[in-house]
Amino acid sequence: MKRVAATRALATIGLAGLATCSRPANPEPVVVAIPVYNPPADSQPTMRRAPDAPTRRPMTGPPVRVGVRDVGDTTIRILLSTKQTTVRIAAPGHIEFVDRVGNLLTSGATDGSQSPVWRIENEGRRVRVVRPNGAVSPWTDGALIARSGDAGLLSVGGKPYRGTIVVYGSDGGMNVVNVARIDDYLRGVVPLEIGTTSRDDSAAVQAQAVTARSYAYIHLTPNRYYDVTGGTLDQVFGGVAAETAVGSEAVESTRALVLQYAGRIVNAPYSSTCGGRTAAASEIWRSDDEPYLQSVSDQIPGTDRYYCDIAPRFHWSRTLDGPQLNAALAQYLANYVSVPGRRAGVAQSVVIGSRTPSGRVGTLIVTTDRGRFTLRGNDIRYVMRPPGGEILNSTYFSVGATTASDGAIAKLTLTGTGYGHGVGMCQWGAIGRARAGQDFRTILRTYYPGTTVGPPE
């Protein structure tokens, strides 16, 4: 790996001896020095998933005043896993483990041909290191920090990460946090969220990098021991294994750039495929509209096509037979509406009650032999699915049903367009626009009207 002179960026980490990802009431700060360096330019692992994005309520951050380079160099803490009984860490070169105040617990180096595994174990809040030869370090209370002495990578469970690794002990197991520069974090996020490795799509990938950086920056949360999770609750993060040349180039070429509205960095939601028109926030979530989250047409001017119609799920259908539908209602309906006794009953009709301004289903009325229930917005996607199955692709659909002789639904078919919540940037639309020659600033201005792209003001 090509290395540059290491600089130091500091991250404040709040201690919490928690078995779950809940917010600690009284975090204790730990300061960890993070080496900063560039990734290899030729890193091109295989993509892991098609583009999609977590459902996320829109918000804006407070006004900020930072230097041009500070956004990407600011550190972020990514929760990788919780409740681990054993954590295995390795490094290609020198590795050291320190306690919460920086005291060295143990260290070692390899000969360059091996990466021996160092095992972390805990007793409640206490954690310690078991060296590859079986020798153990002293116990330390609450947190243990692993770092590579030569600014190399650290592997956790065989997966490489940049920055440092912090392990927190708790009665329920160990919680593992990766502390890295925001831009190094984005290298492991952008390819998984936008899902393309083609340089023809570079403008779309750059747009993704700007939105992901904005999201990361406003989710820095000093009063808990992590800022974001590494899964779909926030932005999907795969570490070094997820990095691609196109993704890393997009992060670097948009360095220090964030999306802003009225001087505030915004949380810019995005989803895979809008289906022809994006949605305003209030159409999907129980939230007020944001002026920069308006419904935007994705139609290609002068045609009857859409920029996102190249998406594999632009058109879709889902069929549930009677038993599947009733099982879905039994499992999910009471999570979103009031169901007496949590017994949904047997479905007799499913009809669209209203549509939103963008044409999506605003309310879906489900009638069973036990009552009439109204689902709203994005909640519909979590109910209209097979038990244990994937949520409904979107709320942009029509309904068709057949009934049995007893009046119960025998088969329900939903036919629709789009994939995801539809608010903000349409990722496949961004790819279509990039292939049509639009640059990333134009793409962002289109999907987030009234915003500006630049360093924080």
Protein backbone atom coordinates (compact mmCIF):
# COMPACT_ATOMS: atom_id res chain seq x y z
CA MET A 1 0.00 0.00 0.00
CA LYS A 2 1.25 3.46 -0.88
CA ARG A 3 1.67 5.49 2.28
CA VAL A 4 1.92 9.21 2.86
CA ALA A 5 3.24 11.02 5.89
CA ALA A 6 0.82 10.23 8.66
CA THR A 7 -0.99 13.11 10.28
CA ARG A 8 -3.05 12.80 13.39
CA ALA A 9 -6.77 13.45 13.73
CA LEU A 10 -8.42 13.16 17.12
CA ALA A 11 -11.76 11.49 17.78
CA THR A 12 -13.64 11.73 21.06
CA ILE A 13 -15.22 8.42 21.98
CA GLY A 14 -17.82 8.19 24.73
CA LEU A 15 -17.57 5.08 26.89
CA ALA A 16 -20.66 3.01 27.51
CA GLY A 17 -20.76 -0.46 28.98
CA LEU A 18 -23.87 -1.40 27.06
CA ALA A 19 -25.08 -4.69 25.67
CA THR A 20 -27.25 -2.92 23.12
CA CYS A 21 -26.89 0.15 20.89
CA SER A 22 -28.83 2.41 23.23
CA ARG A 23 -27.64 5.92 24.08
CA PRO A 24 -25.49 6.02 27.25
CA ALA A 25 -26.63 8.47 29.89
CA ASN A 26 -23.18 9.59 31.05
CA PRO A 27 -20.49 8.84 28.47
CA GLU A 28 -16.85 9.04 29.51
CA PRO A 29 -14.60 10.53 26.81
CA VAL A 30 -11.66 8.61 25.42
CA VAL A 31 -9.26 10.34 23.02
CA VAL A 32 -7.81 8.15 20.28
CA ALA A 33 -5.21 9.27 17.73
CA ILE A 34 -6.12 8.15 14.22
CA PRO A 35 -3.46 7.87 11.49
CA VAL A 36 -4.55 9.44 8.19
CA TYR A 37 -3.40 8.01 4.85
CA ASN A 38 -4.57 7.39 1.29
CA PRO A 39 -6.08 4.12 0.01
CA PRO A 40 -4.51 2.08 -2.79
CA ALA A 41 -5.66 3.45 -6.16
CA ASP A 42 -6.21 0.02 -7.66
CA SER A 43 -8.54 -1.39 -4.99
CA GLN A 44 -11.51 -2.88 -6.90
CA PRO A 45 -13.36 -5.59 -4.93
CA THR A 46 -16.59 -7.09 -6.21
CA MET A 47 -19.82 -5.21 -5.56
CA ARG A 48 -22.01 -6.76 -2.88
CA ARG A 49 -25.50 -5.44 -3.52
CA ALA A 50 -27.77 -3.46 -5.80
CA PRO A 51 -28.30 0.20 -4.93
CA ASP A 52 -30.82 1.00 -2.25
CA ALA A 53 -30.91 3.22 0.76
CA PRO A 54 -32.28 3.14 4.27
CA THR A 55 -35.53 4.89 5.07
CA ARG A 56 -34.45 8.06 6.78
CA ARG A 57 -36.39 11.02 8.12
CA PRO A 58 -35.06 14.29 6.69
CA MET A 59 -33.34 16.80 8.95
CA THR A 60 -30.81 19.58 8.88
CA GLY A 61 -27.78 20.07 11.00
CA PRO A 62 -26.81 23.25 12.88
CA PRO A 63 -24.82 25.94 11.10
CA VAL A 64 -21.14 25.01 11.12
CA ARG A 65 -17.89 26.81 10.53
CA VAL A 66 -15.06 24.46 9.56
CA GLY A 67 -12.01 24.65 7.33
CA VAL A 68 -12.12 23.42 3.74
CA ARG A 69 -10.30 20.17 4.57
CA ASP A 70 -11.95 19.55 7.93
CA VAL A 71 -15.10 17.75 6.79
CA GLY A 72 -13.28 14.76 5.32
CA ASP A 73 -10.63 14.73 8.03
CA THR A 74 -13.15 14.80 10.87
CA THR A 75 -13.34 11.38 12.47
CA ILE A 76 -16.48 9.29 12.66
CA ARG A 77 -17.22 6.25 14.85
CA ILE A 78 -18.93 3.35 13.10
CA LEU A 79 -20.57 0.62 15.17
CA LEU A 80 -19.54 -2.62 13.47
CA SER A 81 -21.05 -5.20 15.79
CA THR A 82 -22.52 -5.74 19.25
CA LYS A 83 -22.75 -8.52 21.83
CA GLN A 84 -19.61 -10.29 20.62
CA THR A 85 -18.24 -13.04 22.85
CA THR A 86 -14.84 -12.93 21.11
CA VAL A 87 -13.27 -10.31 18.86
CA ARG A 88 -10.35 -11.28 16.59
CA ILE A 89 -8.05 -8.53 15.31
CA ALA A 90 -5.06 -8.78 13.00
CA ALA A 91 -2.66 -6.40 11.24
CA PRO A 92 -0.09 -6.89 8.47
CA GLY A 93 2.63 -5.12 10.48
CA HIS A 94 3.02 -3.67 13.94
CA ILE A 95 -0.04 -3.59 16.19
CA GLU A 96 -0.55 -2.16 19.64
CA PHE A 97 -3.34 -2.15 22.19
CA VAL A 98 -3.86 0.67 24.66
CA ASP A 99 -6.37 1.38 27.40
CA ARG A 100 -8.83 4.25 27.56
CA VAL A 101 -6.22 6.78 28.69
CA GLY A 102 -3.50 5.65 26.26
CA ASN A 103 -1.44 3.30 28.44
CA LEU A 104 0.15 0.51 26.39
CA LEU A 105 -1.23 -2.92 27.28
CA THR A 106 0.60 -5.04 24.72
CA SER A 107 2.05 -4.81 21.21
CA GLY A 108 3.81 -6.84 18.57
CA ALA A 109 4.90 -7.09 14.96
CA THR A 110 4.86 -9.70 12.20
CA ASP A 111 7.62 -10.65 9.78
CA GLY A 112 5.55 -9.44 6.83
CA SER A 113 4.48 -12.93 5.74
CA GLN A 114 1.86 -13.54 8.40
CA SER A 115 -0.88 -11.66 10.20
CA PRO A 116 -1.31 -13.47 13.51
CA VAL A 117 -4.67 -13.05 15.19
CA TRP A 118 -4.93 -11.24 18.50
CA ARG A 119 -8.03 -12.23 20.46
CA ILE A 120 -10.05 -9.86 22.68
CA GLU A 121 -12.17 -11.25 25.48
CA ASN A 122 -14.19 -9.71 28.27
CA GLU A 123 -15.61 -10.18 31.74
CA GLY A 124 -18.39 -7.64 31.96
CA ARG A 125 -16.89 -4.21 31.32
CA ARG A 126 -13.35 -5.52 31.66
CA VAL A 127 -11.51 -6.45 28.44
CA ARG A 128 -8.09 -7.87 27.72
CA VAL A 129 -5.92 -9.07 24.82
CA VAL A 130 -4.82 -12.64 24.25
CA ARG A 131 -1.63 -12.61 22.17
CA PRO A 132 -1.12 -15.10 19.31
CA ASN A 133 1.19 -17.12 21.61
CA GLY A 134 -1.46 -17.31 24.32
CA ALA A 135 -0.01 -14.69 26.67
CA VAL A 136 -2.56 -12.25 28.07
CA SER A 137 -2.51 -8.53 28.75
CA PRO A 138 -3.76 -6.95 31.98
CA TRP A 139 -7.50 -6.39 32.22
CA THR A 140 -8.68 -2.87 31.46
CA ASP A 141 -12.06 -1.41 32.30
CA GLY A 142 -14.56 -0.34 29.65
CA ALA A 143 -12.64 0.16 26.43
CA LEU A 144 -9.61 -1.18 24.60
CA ILE A 145 -8.12 0.51 21.54
CA ALA A 146 -6.29 -1.36 18.78
CA ARG A 147 -4.16 0.59 16.32
CA SER A 148 -1.63 -0.17 13.64
CA GLY A 149 1.72 1.31 14.50
CA ASP A 150 2.67 1.97 10.87
CA ALA A 151 -0.68 3.41 9.70
CA GLY A 152 -1.64 0.13 8.08
CA LEU A 153 -4.96 -1.68 8.12
CA LEU A 154 -6.62 -3.56 10.96
CA SER A 155 -8.74 -6.62 10.28
CA VAL A 156 -11.70 -7.49 12.49
CA GLY A 157 -13.03 -10.99 11.95
CA GLY A 158 -11.05 -11.13 8.70
CA LYS A 159 -12.43 -7.83 7.29
CA PRO A 160 -9.95 -4.93 6.88
CA TYR A 161 -10.68 -1.40 8.10
CA ARG A 162 -8.86 1.90 8.15
CA GLY A 163 -8.26 3.90 11.31
CA THR A 164 -8.46 2.28 14.75
CA ILE A 165 -10.71 -0.26 16.43
CA VAL A 166 -12.24 0.31 19.85
CA VAL A 167 -13.73 -2.62 21.79
CA TYR A 168 -16.16 -1.92 24.64
CA GLY A 169 -16.89 -4.53 27.26
CA SER A 170 -20.36 -5.05 28.72
CA ASP A 171 -22.33 -7.73 30.52
CA GLY A 172 -23.95 -8.71 27.22
CA GLY A 173 -20.69 -9.09 25.28
CA MET A 174 -18.40 -6.73 23.40
CA ASN A 175 -19.32 -3.85 21.09
CA VAL A 176 -16.88 -3.06 18.29
CA VAL A 177 -16.40 0.45 16.85
CA ASN A 178 -14.22 1.56 13.93
CA VAL A 179 -12.89 5.12 14.28
CA ALA A 180 -11.86 6.58 10.92
CA ARG A 181 -11.73 9.79 8.91
CA ILE A 182 -15.10 10.57 7.33
CA ASP A 183 -13.62 10.33 3.83
CA ASP A 184 -12.10 6.92 4.60
CA TYR A 185 -15.50 5.85 5.91
CA LEU A 186 -17.10 7.08 2.67
CA ARG A 187 -14.77 4.91 0.59
CA GLY A 188 -16.44 1.92 2.18
CA VAL A 189 -19.96 3.40 1.90
CA VAL A 190 -20.34 4.94 -1.55
CA PRO A 191 -19.84 1.75 -3.64
CA LEU A 192 -22.40 -0.15 -1.57
CA GLU A 193 -24.98 2.62 -1.67
CA ILE A 194 -24.77 3.59 -5.37
CA GLY A 195 -23.84 0.12 -6.67
CA THR A 196 -21.93 0.97 -9.85
CA THR A 197 -18.26 0.60 -10.77
CA SER A 198 -18.46 2.19 -14.25
CA ARG A 199 -16.59 5.43 -14.90
CA ASP A 200 -19.45 6.36 -17.24
CA ASP A 201 -21.45 6.84 -14.05
CA SER A 202 -18.84 8.94 -12.23
CA ALA A 203 -21.08 12.01 -11.86
CA ALA A 204 -23.73 9.90 -10.10
CA VAL A 205 -21.09 8.41 -7.80
CA GLN A 206 -19.81 11.91 -7.00
CA ALA A 207 -23.37 12.99 -6.17
CA GLN A 208 -23.63 9.96 -3.86
CA ALA A 209 -20.35 10.89 -2.18
CA VAL A 210 -21.60 14.41 -1.41
CA THR A 211 -24.91 13.19 0.06
CA ALA A 212 -23.17 10.47 2.08
CA ARG A 213 -20.62 12.96 3.45
CA SER A 214 -23.41 15.33 4.46
CA TYR A 215 -25.24 12.50 6.19
CA ALA A 216 -22.11 11.45 8.06
CA TYR A 217 -21.24 14.94 9.23
CA ILE A 218 -24.62 15.80 10.73
CA HIS A 219 -24.84 12.43 12.49
CA LEU A 220 -21.74 12.99 14.61
CA THR A 221 -23.08 12.37 18.11
CA PRO A 222 -20.64 13.20 20.92
CA ASN A 223 -22.89 12.01 23.76
CA ARG A 224 -22.76 8.34 22.82
CA TYR A 225 -19.97 5.92 22.01
CA TYR A 226 -20.69 5.69 18.25
CA ASP A 227 -22.02 8.02 15.56
CA VAL A 228 -23.52 5.65 12.98
CA THR A 229 -24.06 1.95 12.54
CA GLY A 230 -22.48 0.07 9.66
CA GLY A 231 -25.79 -1.32 8.37
CA THR A 232 -29.04 -0.22 6.78
CA LEU A 233 -30.14 1.71 9.86
CA ASP A 234 -27.68 4.33 8.62
CA GLN A 235 -25.45 3.95 5.55
CA VAL A 236 -24.16 0.50 4.62
CA PHE A 237 -20.42 0.33 5.35
CA GLY A 238 -18.17 -2.47 4.13
CA GLY A 239 -14.73 -1.22 5.10
CA VAL A 240 -11.78 -1.66 2.73
CA ALA A 241 -13.30 -4.75 1.08
CA ALA A 242 -16.10 -2.60 -0.35
CA GLU A 243 -13.83 0.06 -1.86
CA THR A 244 -13.67 0.58 -5.63
CA ALA A 245 -11.54 2.82 -7.79
CA VAL A 246 -14.59 4.76 -9.01
CA GLY A 247 -15.95 5.19 -5.49
CA SER A 248 -12.62 6.35 -4.04
CA GLU A 249 -12.11 8.78 -6.93
CA ALA A 250 -15.59 10.22 -6.28
CA VAL A 251 -14.81 10.76 -2.60
CA GLU A 252 -11.49 12.44 -3.37
CA SER A 253 -12.78 14.60 -6.24
CA THR A 254 -15.59 15.96 -4.03
CA ARG A 255 -13.33 16.50 -1.04
CA ALA A 256 -14.79 18.92 1.54
CA LEU A 257 -18.06 19.26 -0.39
CA VAL A 258 -21.40 18.90 1.37
CA LEU A 259 -25.01 19.64 0.49
CA GLN A 260 -26.43 22.74 2.19
CA TYR A 261 -29.69 24.62 2.39
CA ALA A 262 -29.83 28.12 3.90
CA GLY A 263 -26.34 27.69 5.34
CA ARG A 264 -27.01 24.36 7.04
CA ILE A 265 -25.68 20.96 6.06
CA VAL A 266 -28.69 18.79 5.23
CA ASN A 267 -29.49 15.15 5.69
CA ALA A 268 -30.28 14.36 2.06
CA PRO A 269 -32.27 11.11 1.79
CA TYR A 270 -31.96 9.00 -1.34
CA SER A 271 -33.35 5.76 -2.66
CA SER A 272 -32.70 3.37 -5.49
CA THR A 273 -35.43 4.09 -8.06
CA CYS A 274 -38.13 6.77 -7.90
CA GLY A 275 -40.26 5.15 -10.63
CA GLY A 276 -40.62 8.34 -12.65
CA ARG A 277 -41.16 11.00 -9.97
CA THR A 278 -39.67 11.53 -6.53
CA ALA A 279 -41.84 12.11 -3.47
CA ALA A 280 -42.03 14.94 -0.98
CA ALA A 281 -41.06 13.90 2.54
CA SER A 282 -44.57 14.17 3.99
CA GLU A 283 -45.90 11.72 1.38
CA ILE A 284 -43.79 8.95 2.87
CA TRP A 285 -42.98 9.81 6.48
CA ARG A 286 -44.82 11.38 9.38
CA SER A 287 -42.81 14.55 9.06
CA ASP A 288 -43.07 18.08 7.78
CA ASP A 289 -41.90 18.82 4.28
CA GLU A 290 -38.49 20.32 3.76
CA PRO A 291 -38.21 22.99 1.06
CA TYR A 292 -35.38 21.07 -0.61
CA LEU A 293 -37.35 17.78 -0.65
CA GLN A 294 -39.98 18.47 -3.26
CA SER A 295 -41.49 16.06 -5.76
CA VAL A 296 -39.30 16.12 -8.88
CA SER A 297 -40.06 14.59 -12.28
CA ASP A 298 -37.49 12.13 -13.59
CA GLN A 299 -38.85 12.20 -17.14
CA ILE A 300 -36.33 12.71 -19.94
CA PRO A 301 -37.34 15.94 -21.72
CA GLY A 302 -39.07 15.43 -25.07
CA THR A 303 -39.60 11.69 -24.51
CA ASP A 304 -41.94 9.32 -22.71
CA ARG A 305 -38.99 7.71 -20.91
CA TYR A 306 -37.45 8.34 -17.52
CA TYR A 307 -33.83 8.63 -16.44
CA CYS A 308 -34.33 5.80 -13.96
CA ASP A 309 -36.14 3.36 -16.29
CA ILE A 310 -32.81 1.56 -16.75
CA ALA A 311 -33.20 0.26 -13.19
CA PRO A 312 -33.83 -3.48 -12.78
CA ARG A 313 -36.83 -2.76 -10.52
CA PHE A 314 -38.34 0.15 -12.41
CA HIS A 315 -41.37 -2.11 -13.03
CA TRP A 316 -42.41 -4.83 -10.60
CA SER A 317 -45.31 -6.88 -9.29
CA ARG A 318 -45.92 -8.83 -6.11
CA THR A 319 -48.57 -11.48 -5.54
CA LEU A 320 -49.71 -12.76 -2.16
CA ASP A 321 -52.15 -15.63 -1.93
CA GLY A 322 -54.80 -15.60 0.79
CA PRO A 323 -52.81 -17.50 3.43
CA GLN A 324 -49.71 -15.36 2.81
CA LEU A 325 -51.70 -12.14 3.06
CA ASN A 326 -53.44 -13.20 6.26
CA ALA A 327 -50.14 -14.32 7.77
CA ALA A 328 -48.59 -10.94 6.87
CA LEU A 329 -51.47 -9.08 8.49
CA ALA A 330 -51.22 -11.25 11.59
CA GLN A 331 -47.49 -10.58 11.92
CA TYR A 332 -47.15 -6.94 10.92
CA LEU A 333 -50.43 -5.00 10.94
CA ALA A 334 -50.57 -4.34 14.68
CA ASN A 335 -47.12 -2.75 14.52
CA TYR A 336 -48.52 0.17 12.52
CA VAL A 337 -52.22 0.55 13.38
CA SER A 338 -54.43 -0.27 16.34
CA VAL A 339 -55.64 -3.88 16.08
CA PRO A 340 -57.95 -5.10 18.87
CA GLY A 341 -56.31 -8.00 20.61
CA ARG A 342 -53.59 -7.88 17.91
CA ARG A 343 -55.79 -10.27 15.89
CA ALA A 344 -56.02 -8.94 12.34
CA GLY A 345 -58.41 -11.57 11.02
CA VAL A 346 -59.01 -12.76 7.45
CA ALA A 347 -58.58 -10.21 4.64
CA GLN A 348 -61.72 -9.45 2.64
CA SER A 349 -60.59 -6.40 0.64
CA VAL A 350 -57.53 -4.23 0.06
CA VAL A 351 -58.18 -0.93 -1.71
CA ILE A 352 -56.35 2.33 -2.24
CA GLY A 353 -57.89 5.05 -0.09
CA SER A 354 -55.91 8.01 -1.43
CA ARG A 355 -52.93 8.94 -3.54
CA THR A 356 -50.25 11.53 -2.84
CA PRO A 357 -49.39 14.41 -5.17
CA SER A 358 -46.62 12.34 -6.77
CA GLY A 359 -49.06 9.49 -7.47
CA ARG A 360 -48.00 7.13 -4.70
CA VAL A 361 -50.42 5.36 -2.40
CA GLY A 362 -51.13 7.68 0.50
CA THR A 363 -53.51 5.38 2.35
CA LEU A 364 -54.27 1.70 1.88
CA ILE A 365 -57.50 0.41 3.41
CA VAL A 366 -57.44 -3.20 4.56
CA THR A 367 -60.77 -4.74 5.54
CA THR A 368 -60.90 -8.07 7.37
CA ASP A 369 -63.60 -10.00 9.18
CA ARG A 370 -62.43 -8.20 12.34
CA GLY A 371 -62.40 -4.59 11.18
CA ARG A 372 -61.24 -1.90 8.81
CA PHE A 373 -57.65 -0.69 9.05
CA THR A 374 -55.90 2.19 7.30
CA LEU A 375 -52.19 2.06 6.56
CA ARG A 376 -50.34 5.24 5.65
CA GLY A 377 -47.22 6.14 3.69
CA ASN A 378 -44.11 4.03 4.07
CA ASP A 379 -45.82 1.79 6.67
CA ILE A 380 -47.58 0.08 3.76
CA ARG A 381 -44.28 -1.37 2.55
CA TYR A 382 -43.66 -3.12 5.86
CA VAL A 383 -47.05 -4.85 5.98
CA MET A 384 -47.66 -5.87 2.35
CA ARG A 385 -45.00 -8.57 2.24
CA PRO A 386 -44.67 -12.28 2.91
CA PRO A 387 -43.87 -13.02 6.56
CA GLY A 388 -40.13 -12.69 6.94
CA GLY A 389 -39.81 -11.49 3.36
CA GLU A 390 -38.50 -8.31 1.74
CA ILE A 391 -40.56 -5.18 2.25
CA LEU A 392 -42.66 -3.93 -0.66
CA ASN A 393 -40.55 -2.27 -3.36
CA SER A 394 -42.34 1.09 -3.16
CA THR A 395 -45.70 2.77 -2.51
CA TYR A 396 -46.06 3.55 -6.23
CA PHE A 397 -48.51 0.76 -7.15
CA SER A 398 -52.02 -0.34 -8.15
CA VAL A 399 -54.07 -3.13 -6.58
CA GLY A 400 -55.79 -6.16 -8.06
CA ALA A 401 -57.54 -8.89 -6.06
CA THR A 402 -59.63 -12.00 -6.52
CA THR A 403 -61.95 -13.32 -3.83
CA ALA A 404 -63.10 -16.78 -2.88
CA SER A 405 -66.73 -17.88 -2.50
CA ASP A 406 -66.65 -17.03 1.23
CA GLY A 407 -65.70 -13.43 0.49
CA ALA A 408 -62.08 -13.74 1.61
CA ILE A 409 -59.24 -12.62 -0.64
CA ALA A 410 -57.83 -15.56 -2.58
CA LYS A 411 -55.06 -13.62 -4.33
CA LEU A 412 -53.75 -10.05 -4.07
CA THR A 413 -51.51 -8.59 -6.80
CA LEU A 414 -49.71 -5.28 -6.43
CA THR A 415 -48.24 -3.86 -9.65
CA GLY A 416 -45.95 -0.88 -9.43
CA THR A 417 -42.84 1.09 -10.28
CA GLY A 418 -39.84 2.21 -8.29
CA TYR A 419 -37.69 0.75 -5.54
CA GLY A 420 -37.29 2.51 -2.21
CA HIS A 421 -39.03 5.36 -0.43
CA GLY A 422 -38.61 7.76 -3.35
CA VAL A 423 -37.62 10.89 -1.39
CA GLY A 424 -34.62 12.94 -2.53
CA MET A 425 -32.08 11.65 -5.00
CA CYS A 426 -33.10 8.77 -7.25
CA GLN A 427 -29.89 6.77 -7.54
CA TRP A 428 -30.74 5.08 -10.84
CA GLY A 429 -32.02 8.42 -12.08
CA ALA A 430 -28.66 9.94 -11.14
CA ILE A 431 -26.91 7.20 -13.11
CA GLY A 432 -29.16 7.87 -16.11
CA ARG A 433 -28.46 11.59 -15.85
CA ALA A 434 -24.70 10.98 -15.60
CA ARG A 435 -24.82 8.88 -18.77
CA ALA A 436 -26.72 11.74 -20.42
CA GLY A 437 -23.84 14.11 -19.61
CA GLN A 438 -25.06 15.87 -16.46
CA ASP A 439 -22.44 16.66 -13.82
CA PHE A 440 -22.86 15.89 -10.14
CA ARG A 441 -23.76 19.47 -9.19
CA THR A 442 -26.58 19.51 -11.73
CA ILE A 443 -27.82 16.15 -10.47
CA LEU A 444 -27.88 17.35 -6.86
CA ARG A 445 -29.56 20.65 -7.70
CA THR A 446 -32.26 18.72 -9.57
CA TYR A 447 -33.13 16.28 -6.80
CA TYR A 448 -32.65 18.77 -3.95
CA PRO A 449 -34.05 22.09 -5.27
CA GLY A 450 -32.61 25.21 -3.67
CA THR A 451 -29.51 23.53 -2.24
CA THR A 452 -25.90 24.48 -2.81
CA VAL A 453 -22.82 22.28 -2.99
CA GLY A 454 -19.62 23.47 -1.37
CA PRO A 455 -17.52 23.47 1.79
CA PRO A 456 -19.49 24.39 4.92
CA GLU A 457 -19.96 28.15 4.99
